[in-house]
Structure formats: structure tokens, C-alpha cells
Amino acid sequence: MTNQLPHEKGFHVSWDQLHRDSRALAWRLDGKGPNDGNWKAVIGITRGGMAPAMIVARELDIRVVDTISVKSYDHQAQSEAIVLKSPDSDLIGDGQGILIIDDLVDSGRTLEIVRKMYPKAHFATVYAKPKGHPMVDTFITEVSQDTWIFFPWDMALQYVEPYRGN
């Protein structure tokens, strides 16, 4: 048993921080595409990858944006990953010249499924945990495996009682 409270291994990400980190991801990917440094399209993994994908697409002036829906979490518990919706196969092909963007690679199970579908795509995340490193090509910030990332879309601005009394 640990004396650590749940929020003490939490990494809280604000909208501003997510925007800065997503722009940093775009800058790292700039000029790295196979078509004279350009990318054909950005595919955001729903739901967490949608905001970073939009920011990367804007920064790199990529006009073709689509999504792939993979369910691997049920609230805070991981479950078996399944694909619920795929992008246009004529557009994506084997993934050559395509950026696949997600907010986080945790265990790597979501990216493993998508990588099997699009083996030549470039996989990029804003945040990465050690178990997921083999599944991602580019990321910005590493966090420990036991850290829970609190994304801005999961948070509300309201008063919360302190954990340790008054």
C-alpha cells in the first residue's frame, strides 16, 4: 500500500499546454514527410488525438484530415482495443505519407492495431509512456508508466475539497 494520493502521480495538462506541445510536435514533423518533406494527410485517433491532429494539420498546412476510432479504454480502465471507424482506404492505402496522431501512447495497444492497418504511416503522439515507445515514431514529452495524464477535456473548472483536510 502506498501513502501517495491519486493526484500526486497525475500530470495535469491545460489547453494552453496541449496547444504548445502539439505545436512542438508539428515543428518536429515539419519537412519530414516522404513527399519532398510534405505529408499527404493527418489521421487523428479519436477522441484524444483530435485536438493535436487539428493543431498539427494547421501548423503544417495539411488540408486532408480524417479520423480513426479505436476504443481501448472504458473510463479509466483499459480494455481490448477495437476499431470502430476507419478513414477512407483509397486515401490512406498502406499509410505512406500519412501522419497518425494521438494524444498519448500508454501501453501501445491502440497504436499497435493501427500500425498493423497502416504499416508505412508515421505515428506521432504528444505524450508517451515507456511501454508505448516501440509503437510511436515521434513524441514530445515522456511521462512515467504509473503517471495518469489529466487532459483538459476531462477536467472542469470548479472548487474541489482538499484531499488532506483543512
C-alpha atoms as a PDB file:
ATOM      1  CA  MET A   1       0.000   0.000   0.000  1.00  0.00           C
ATOM      2  CA  THR A   2       1.252   3.472  -0.816  1.00  0.00           C
ATOM      3  CA  ASN A   3       0.834   6.728   1.083  1.00  0.00           C
ATOM      4  CA  GLN A   4       0.572   8.558  -2.210  1.00  0.00           C
ATOM      5  CA  LEU A   5      -2.762  10.079  -3.132  1.00  0.00           C
ATOM      6  CA  PRO A   6      -4.100   9.569  -6.692  1.00  0.00           C
ATOM      7  CA  HIS A   7      -3.470  13.167  -7.789  1.00  0.00           C
ATOM      8  CA  GLU A   8       0.197  13.013  -6.727  1.00  0.00           C
ATOM      9  CA  LYS A   9       1.128  10.862  -9.751  1.00  0.00           C
ATOM     10  CA  GLY A  10      -1.110  12.890 -12.005  1.00  0.00           C
ATOM     11  CA  PHE A  11       0.129  15.106 -14.822  1.00  0.00           C
ATOM     12  CA  HIS A  12      -2.396  17.879 -15.411  1.00  0.00           C
ATOM     13  CA  VAL A  13      -2.376  19.281 -18.945  1.00  0.00           C
ATOM     14  CA  SER A  14      -4.082  22.607 -19.630  1.00  0.00           C
ATOM     15  CA  TRP A  15      -5.463  23.656 -23.014  1.00  0.00           C
ATOM     16  CA  ASP A  16      -2.536  26.079 -23.334  1.00  0.00           C
ATOM     17  CA  GLN A  17      -0.004  23.355 -22.580  1.00  0.00           C
ATOM     18  CA  LEU A  18      -1.635  20.937 -25.016  1.00  0.00           C
ATOM     19  CA  HIS A  19      -1.567  23.619 -27.699  1.00  0.00           C
ATOM     20  CA  ARG A  20       2.125  24.410 -27.086  1.00  0.00           C
ATOM     21  CA  ASP A  21       3.083  20.724 -27.038  1.00  0.00           C
ATOM     22  CA  SER A  22       1.045  19.974 -30.183  1.00  0.00           C
ATOM     23  CA  ARG A  23       2.746  22.865 -31.988  1.00  0.00           C
ATOM     24  CA  ALA A  24       6.109  21.493 -30.859  1.00  0.00           C
ATOM     25  CA  LEU A  25       5.084  18.132 -32.330  1.00  0.00           C
ATOM     26  CA  ALA A  26       4.237  19.850 -35.627  1.00  0.00           C
ATOM     27  CA  TRP A  27       7.610  21.602 -35.685  1.00  0.00           C
ATOM     28  CA  ARG A  28       9.369  18.280 -35.081  1.00  0.00           C
ATOM     29  CA  LEU A  29       7.442  16.722 -38.001  1.00  0.00           C
ATOM     30  CA  ASP A  30       7.907  19.669 -40.370  1.00  0.00           C
ATOM     31  CA  GLY A  31       9.782  18.700 -43.511  1.00  0.00           C
ATOM     32  CA  LYS A  32       9.983  15.028 -42.512  1.00  0.00           C
ATOM     33  CA  GLY A  33       7.278  13.705 -44.869  1.00  0.00           C
ATOM     34  CA  PRO A  34       8.204  11.415 -47.765  1.00  0.00           C
ATOM     35  CA  ASN A  35       6.837  13.769 -50.461  1.00  0.00           C
ATOM     36  CA  ASP A  36       9.555  16.450 -50.590  1.00  0.00           C
ATOM     37  CA  GLY A  37       9.150  16.733 -46.837  1.00  0.00           C
ATOM     38  CA  ASN A  38       5.355  17.039 -47.052  1.00  0.00           C
ATOM     39  CA  TRP A  39       2.625  14.834 -45.621  1.00  0.00           C
ATOM     40  CA  LYS A  40      -0.445  13.722 -47.617  1.00  0.00           C
ATOM     41  CA  ALA A  41      -2.872  13.683 -44.699  1.00  0.00           C
ATOM     42  CA  VAL A  42      -3.307  13.695 -40.950  1.00  0.00           C
ATOM     43  CA  ILE A  43      -5.355  10.999 -39.252  1.00  0.00           C
ATOM     44  CA  GLY A  44      -6.366  11.728 -35.656  1.00  0.00           C
ATOM     45  CA  ILE A  45      -7.098   8.820 -33.362  1.00  0.00           C
ATOM     46  CA  THR A  46     -10.407   9.628 -31.687  1.00  0.00           C
ATOM     47  CA  ARG A  47     -11.027  11.047 -29.307  1.00  0.00           C
ATOM     48  CA  GLY A  48      -7.816  12.236 -27.672  1.00  0.00           C
ATOM     49  CA  GLY A  49      -5.885  12.643 -30.908  1.00  0.00           C
ATOM     50  CA  MET A  50      -8.388  15.003 -32.489  1.00  0.00           C
ATOM     51  CA  ALA A  51      -7.164  18.246 -30.885  1.00  0.00           C
ATOM     52  CA  PRO A  52      -3.456  17.550 -31.513  1.00  0.00           C
ATOM     53  CA  ALA A  53      -4.234  16.384 -35.083  1.00  0.00           C
ATOM     54  CA  MET A  54      -6.078  19.624 -35.797  1.00  0.00           C
ATOM     55  CA  ILE A  55      -3.198  21.703 -34.454  1.00  0.00           C
ATOM     56  CA  VAL A  56      -0.573  19.700 -36.388  1.00  0.00           C
ATOM     57  CA  ALA A  57      -2.649  19.950 -39.584  1.00  0.00           C
ATOM     58  CA  ARG A  58      -2.942  23.721 -39.151  1.00  0.00           C
ATOM     59  CA  GLU A  59       0.745  24.233 -38.393  1.00  0.00           C
ATOM     60  CA  LEU A  60       1.889  22.102 -41.341  1.00  0.00           C
ATOM     61  CA  ASP A  61      -0.845  23.368 -43.713  1.00  0.00           C
ATOM     62  CA  ILE A  62      -2.228  19.867 -44.266  1.00  0.00           C
ATOM     63  CA  ARG A  63      -5.776  20.152 -45.594  1.00  0.00           C
ATOM     64  CA  VAL A  64      -6.712  16.459 -45.648  1.00  0.00           C
ATOM     65  CA  VAL A  65      -7.719  15.414 -42.144  1.00  0.00           C
ATOM     66  CA  ASP A  66      -9.629  12.294 -41.125  1.00  0.00           C
ATOM     67  CA  THR A  67     -10.100  10.121 -38.048  1.00  0.00           C
ATOM     68  CA  ILE A  68      -9.804   6.548 -36.960  1.00  0.00           C
ATOM     69  CA  SER A  69     -11.860   5.495 -33.954  1.00  0.00           C
ATOM     70  CA  VAL A  70     -10.259   2.945 -31.674  1.00  0.00           C
ATOM     71  CA  LYS A  71     -11.773   2.058 -28.331  1.00  0.00           C
ATOM     72  CA  SER A  72      -9.258   0.792 -25.799  1.00  0.00           C
ATOM     73  CA  TYR A  73     -10.449   2.454 -22.593  1.00  0.00           C
ATOM     74  CA  ASP A  74     -13.663   2.225 -20.668  1.00  0.00           C
ATOM     75  CA  HIS A  75     -13.423   5.303 -18.453  1.00  0.00           C
ATOM     76  CA  GLN A  76     -10.138   4.739 -16.585  1.00  0.00           C
ATOM     77  CA  ALA A  77      -9.707   1.005 -17.244  1.00  0.00           C
ATOM     78  CA  GLN A  78      -8.067  -0.423 -20.342  1.00  0.00           C
ATOM     79  CA  SER A  79      -9.996  -2.956 -22.376  1.00  0.00           C
ATOM     80  CA  GLU A  80      -9.316  -4.866 -25.579  1.00  0.00           C
ATOM     81  CA  ALA A  81      -8.742  -2.356 -28.390  1.00  0.00           C
ATOM     82  CA  ILE A  82     -11.194  -2.466 -31.276  1.00  0.00           C
ATOM     83  CA  VAL A  83     -11.536  -0.295 -34.396  1.00  0.00           C
ATOM     84  CA  LEU A  84     -14.941   1.382 -34.592  1.00  0.00           C
ATOM     85  CA  LYS A  85     -14.355   3.575 -37.676  1.00  0.00           C
ATOM     86  CA  SER A  86     -11.571   3.723 -40.267  1.00  0.00           C
ATOM     87  CA  PRO A  87     -10.591   6.505 -42.670  1.00  0.00           C
ATOM     88  CA  ASP A  88     -11.091   6.261 -46.443  1.00  0.00           C
ATOM     89  CA  SER A  89      -8.904   3.334 -47.578  1.00  0.00           C
ATOM     90  CA  ASP A  90      -8.309   4.922 -51.020  1.00  0.00           C
ATOM     91  CA  LEU A  91      -6.783   7.935 -49.278  1.00  0.00           C
ATOM     92  CA  ILE A  92      -4.709   6.060 -46.711  1.00  0.00           C
ATOM     93  CA  GLY A  93      -3.539   2.937 -48.540  1.00  0.00           C
ATOM     94  CA  ASP A  94      -0.699   1.390 -46.542  1.00  0.00           C
ATOM     95  CA  GLY A  95      -0.053   4.694 -44.744  1.00  0.00           C
ATOM     96  CA  GLN A  96       2.788   6.021 -46.911  1.00  0.00           C
ATOM     97  CA  GLY A  97       2.949   9.807 -46.398  1.00  0.00           C
ATOM     98  CA  ILE A  98       0.281   9.765 -43.678  1.00  0.00           C
ATOM     99  CA  LEU A  99       0.643  11.137 -40.145  1.00  0.00           C
ATOM    100  CA  ILE A 100      -1.272   9.245 -37.471  1.00  0.00           C
ATOM    101  CA  ILE A 101      -1.679  11.490 -34.410  1.00  0.00           C
ATOM    102  CA  ASP A 102      -2.792  10.662 -30.885  1.00  0.00           C
ATOM    103  CA  ASP A 103      -2.583  12.485 -27.580  1.00  0.00           C
ATOM    104  CA  LEU A 104      -0.792   9.697 -25.723  1.00  0.00           C
ATOM    105  CA  VAL A 105       0.791   6.319 -26.227  1.00  0.00           C
ATOM    106  CA  ASP A 106       0.365   4.362 -22.998  1.00  0.00           C
ATOM    107  CA  SER A 107       0.603   0.582 -23.368  1.00  0.00           C
ATOM    108  CA  GLY A 108       0.884   0.892 -27.160  1.00  0.00           C
ATOM    109  CA  ARG A 109      -2.113  -1.374 -27.828  1.00  0.00           C
ATOM    110  CA  THR A 110      -4.107   1.245 -29.732  1.00  0.00           C
ATOM    111  CA  LEU A 111      -1.168   2.189 -31.944  1.00  0.00           C
ATOM    112  CA  GLU A 112      -0.293  -1.483 -32.454  1.00  0.00           C
ATOM    113  CA  ILE A 113      -3.694  -2.118 -34.034  1.00  0.00           C
ATOM    114  CA  VAL A 114      -3.492   0.988 -36.213  1.00  0.00           C
ATOM    115  CA  ARG A 115       0.132   0.253 -37.199  1.00  0.00           C
ATOM    116  CA  LYS A 116      -0.929  -3.185 -38.472  1.00  0.00           C
ATOM    117  CA  MET A 117      -3.519  -1.462 -40.659  1.00  0.00           C
ATOM    118  CA  TYR A 118      -1.131   1.245 -41.933  1.00  0.00           C
ATOM    119  CA  PRO A 119       2.425  -0.094 -41.611  1.00  0.00           C
ATOM    120  CA  LYS A 120       4.052   2.730 -43.601  1.00  0.00           C
ATOM    121  CA  ALA A 121       2.375   5.605 -41.711  1.00  0.00           C
ATOM    122  CA  HIS A 122       4.304   7.852 -39.339  1.00  0.00           C
ATOM    123  CA  PHE A 123       2.954   7.619 -35.781  1.00  0.00           C
ATOM    124  CA  ALA A 124       3.254  10.675 -33.551  1.00  0.00           C
ATOM    125  CA  THR A 125       1.929  11.449 -30.088  1.00  0.00           C
ATOM    126  CA  VAL A 126       2.198  14.437 -27.826  1.00  0.00           C
ATOM    127  CA  TYR A 127       2.903  12.338 -24.724  1.00  0.00           C
ATOM    128  CA  ALA A 128       4.474   8.890 -24.378  1.00  0.00           C
ATOM    129  CA  LYS A 129       4.914   6.302 -21.652  1.00  0.00           C
ATOM    130  CA  PRO A 130       7.782   3.766 -21.749  1.00  0.00           C
ATOM    131  CA  LYS A 131       5.646   0.718 -22.662  1.00  0.00           C
ATOM    132  CA  GLY A 132       4.354   2.546 -25.723  1.00  0.00           C
ATOM    133  CA  HIS A 133       7.718   3.745 -27.104  1.00  0.00           C
ATOM    134  CA  PRO A 134       8.074   0.898 -29.626  1.00  0.00           C
ATOM    135  CA  MET A 135       4.760   1.890 -31.266  1.00  0.00           C
ATOM    136  CA  VAL A 136       5.463   5.618 -31.766  1.00  0.00           C
ATOM    137  CA  ASP A 137       7.903   7.261 -34.192  1.00  0.00           C
ATOM    138  CA  THR A 138       7.814  10.802 -32.773  1.00  0.00           C
ATOM    139  CA  PHE A 139       6.635  12.264 -29.457  1.00  0.00           C
ATOM    140  CA  ILE A 140       7.239  15.386 -27.381  1.00  0.00           C
ATOM    141  CA  THR A 141       7.009  14.606 -23.655  1.00  0.00           C
ATOM    142  CA  GLU A 142       7.719  11.372 -21.809  1.00  0.00           C
ATOM    143  CA  VAL A 143       5.947  10.554 -18.562  1.00  0.00           C
ATOM    144  CA  SER A 144       6.420   7.562 -16.275  1.00  0.00           C
ATOM    145  CA  GLN A 145       4.263   4.496 -16.830  1.00  0.00           C
ATOM    146  CA  ASP A 146       2.462   4.961 -13.490  1.00  0.00           C
ATOM    147  CA  THR A 147       1.509   8.592 -14.165  1.00  0.00           C
ATOM    148  CA  TRP A 148      -2.097   9.365 -15.077  1.00  0.00           C
ATOM    149  CA  ILE A 149      -2.430  12.246 -17.528  1.00  0.00           C
ATOM    150  CA  PHE A 150      -5.399  14.513 -16.918  1.00  0.00           C
ATOM    151  CA  PHE A 151      -6.291  16.092 -20.265  1.00  0.00           C
ATOM    152  CA  PRO A 152      -8.210  19.374 -20.435  1.00  0.00           C
ATOM    153  CA  TRP A 153     -11.294  17.743 -21.961  1.00  0.00           C
ATOM    154  CA  ASP A 154     -11.522  15.528 -18.865  1.00  0.00           C
ATOM    155  CA  MET A 155     -11.413  18.443 -16.408  1.00  0.00           C
ATOM    156  CA  ALA A 156     -13.861  21.044 -15.168  1.00  0.00           C
ATOM    157  CA  LEU A 157     -13.087  24.355 -13.529  1.00  0.00           C
ATOM    158  CA  GLN A 158     -14.750  24.095 -10.140  1.00  0.00           C
ATOM    159  CA  TYR A 159     -13.904  24.086  -6.477  1.00  0.00           C
ATOM    160  CA  VAL A 160     -12.754  20.724  -5.109  1.00  0.00           C
ATOM    161  CA  GLU A 161     -12.324  19.856  -1.432  1.00  0.00           C
ATOM    162  CA  PRO A 162      -8.659  19.300  -0.478  1.00  0.00           C
ATOM    163  CA  TYR A 163      -7.515  15.704  -0.100  1.00  0.00           C
ATOM    164  CA  ARG A 164      -5.853  16.261   3.256  1.00  0.00           C
ATOM    165  CA  GLY A 165      -8.408  18.159   5.267  1.00  0.00           C
ATOM    166  CA  ASN A 166      -8.238  21.847   6.109  1.00  0.00           C
END
